[in-house]
């Protein structure tokens, strides 16, 4: 997952509901689209983080040795600083980067 290409804020942003609802014509549809995309982003980030941290897992390590691994701490800090999935999904929606359709 690459957030470098996007200009996603790290803090909550107040949005105009009319602007959010404009593409779909319904604020509830917009919220569901953004929520589903945020869940996808969250799952991708979790899978990517788990895969990277799996490289450090050694089942013979003691608990103290696990907490002292600097590389593992740096990777975790990087993921903590990423924008929240909801902010990323909302930004994608507002920029027109999301593809969605109604199941009718």
Protein backbone atom coordinates (compact mmCIF):
# COMPACT_ATOMS: atom_id res chain seq x y z
CA UNK A 1 0.00 0.00 0.00
CA UNK A 2 1.52 3.26 -1.06
CA UNK A 3 0.28 6.48 0.50
CA UNK A 4 3.19 8.54 -0.86
CA UNK A 5 1.36 9.27 -4.12
CA UNK A 6 -1.66 10.64 -2.30
CA UNK A 7 -2.02 13.82 -0.32
CA UNK A 8 -3.99 12.36 2.58
CA UNK A 9 -4.32 14.40 5.79
CA UNK A 10 -3.16 12.77 9.01
CA UNK A 11 -5.88 14.43 11.10
CA UNK A 12 -9.64 14.51 10.85
CA UNK A 13 -10.98 16.92 8.26
CA UNK A 14 -14.40 18.56 8.39
CA UNK A 15 -16.24 17.84 5.15
CA UNK A 16 -19.31 19.40 3.57
CA UNK A 17 -22.06 16.76 3.48
CA UNK A 18 -23.43 18.11 0.20
CA UNK A 19 -20.01 17.66 -1.43
CA UNK A 20 -19.75 14.10 -0.11
CA UNK A 21 -23.26 13.18 -1.24
CA UNK A 22 -22.95 14.78 -4.69
CA UNK A 23 -21.41 11.82 -6.59
CA UNK A 24 -24.00 9.30 -5.36
CA UNK A 25 -26.94 11.57 -4.61
CA UNK A 26 -27.26 9.96 -1.17
CA UNK A 27 -25.06 10.53 1.88
CA UNK A 28 -25.77 7.03 3.20
CA UNK A 29 -24.54 5.41 -0.01
CA UNK A 30 -21.44 7.56 0.16
CA UNK A 31 -20.80 6.52 3.75
CA UNK A 32 -21.18 2.84 2.86
CA UNK A 33 -18.83 3.15 -0.13
CA UNK A 34 -16.19 4.92 1.97
CA UNK A 35 -16.64 2.44 4.84
CA UNK A 36 -16.19 -0.59 2.58
CA UNK A 37 -13.08 0.94 1.02
CA UNK A 38 -11.70 1.81 4.47
CA UNK A 39 -12.18 -1.83 5.52
CA UNK A 40 -10.27 -2.96 2.41
CA UNK A 41 -7.43 -0.54 3.12
CA UNK A 42 -7.31 -1.60 6.78
CA UNK A 43 -7.16 -5.28 5.83
CA UNK A 44 -4.37 -4.60 3.31
CA UNK A 45 -2.33 -2.65 5.86
CA UNK A 46 -2.84 -5.34 8.51
CA UNK A 47 -1.78 -8.09 6.12
CA UNK A 48 1.28 -6.11 4.99
CA UNK A 49 2.32 -5.33 8.57
CA UNK A 50 1.81 -8.93 9.69
CA UNK A 51 3.91 -10.17 6.79
CA UNK A 52 6.75 -7.77 7.62
CA UNK A 53 6.67 -8.55 11.33
CA UNK A 54 6.54 -12.29 10.59
CA UNK A 55 10.09 -12.02 9.26
CA UNK A 56 11.21 -11.12 12.78
CA UNK A 57 9.32 -13.80 14.63
CA UNK A 58 11.45 -16.50 16.06
CA UNK A 59 9.61 -18.95 18.24
CA UNK A 60 12.69 -19.55 20.37
CA UNK A 61 12.91 -15.86 21.39
CA UNK A 62 11.93 -14.86 24.84
CA UNK A 63 9.46 -12.05 25.41
CA UNK A 64 12.25 -9.59 26.34
CA UNK A 65 14.16 -10.27 23.12
CA UNK A 66 11.04 -9.64 21.06
CA UNK A 67 10.52 -6.18 22.56
CA UNK A 68 14.15 -5.17 22.02
CA UNK A 69 14.17 -5.63 18.24
CA UNK A 70 14.78 -2.11 16.87
CA UNK A 71 13.86 -2.91 13.26
CA UNK A 72 10.53 -4.31 14.36
CA UNK A 73 9.85 -1.18 16.42
CA UNK A 74 10.70 1.07 13.47
CA UNK A 75 8.34 -0.83 11.17
CA UNK A 76 5.55 -0.56 13.73
CA UNK A 77 6.15 3.18 14.17
CA UNK A 78 5.99 3.67 10.39
CA UNK A 79 2.58 2.00 10.22
CA UNK A 80 1.32 3.98 13.22
CA UNK A 81 2.13 7.24 11.38
CA UNK A 82 0.17 6.31 8.26
CA UNK A 83 -3.13 8.11 7.69
CA UNK A 84 -6.16 6.31 9.04
CA UNK A 85 -7.93 4.09 6.48
CA UNK A 86 -11.11 6.18 6.75
CA UNK A 87 -9.23 9.35 5.81
CA UNK A 88 -7.55 7.59 2.90
CA UNK A 89 -10.85 6.16 1.64
CA UNK A 90 -12.61 9.52 1.93
CA UNK A 91 -9.78 11.22 0.06
CA UNK A 92 -9.94 8.58 -2.70
CA UNK A 93 -13.70 9.07 -2.96
CA UNK A 94 -13.49 12.85 -3.12
CA UNK A 95 -10.72 12.67 -5.76
CA UNK A 96 -12.80 10.32 -7.89
CA UNK A 97 -10.32 7.46 -7.56
CA UNK A 98 -12.89 4.91 -6.31
CA UNK A 99 -14.88 2.68 -8.62
CA UNK A 100 -18.25 1.69 -7.24
CA UNK A 101 -21.54 0.41 -8.64
CA UNK A 102 -24.99 -0.44 -7.42
CA UNK A 103 -26.01 -4.08 -7.36
CA UNK A 104 -29.35 -3.74 -9.12
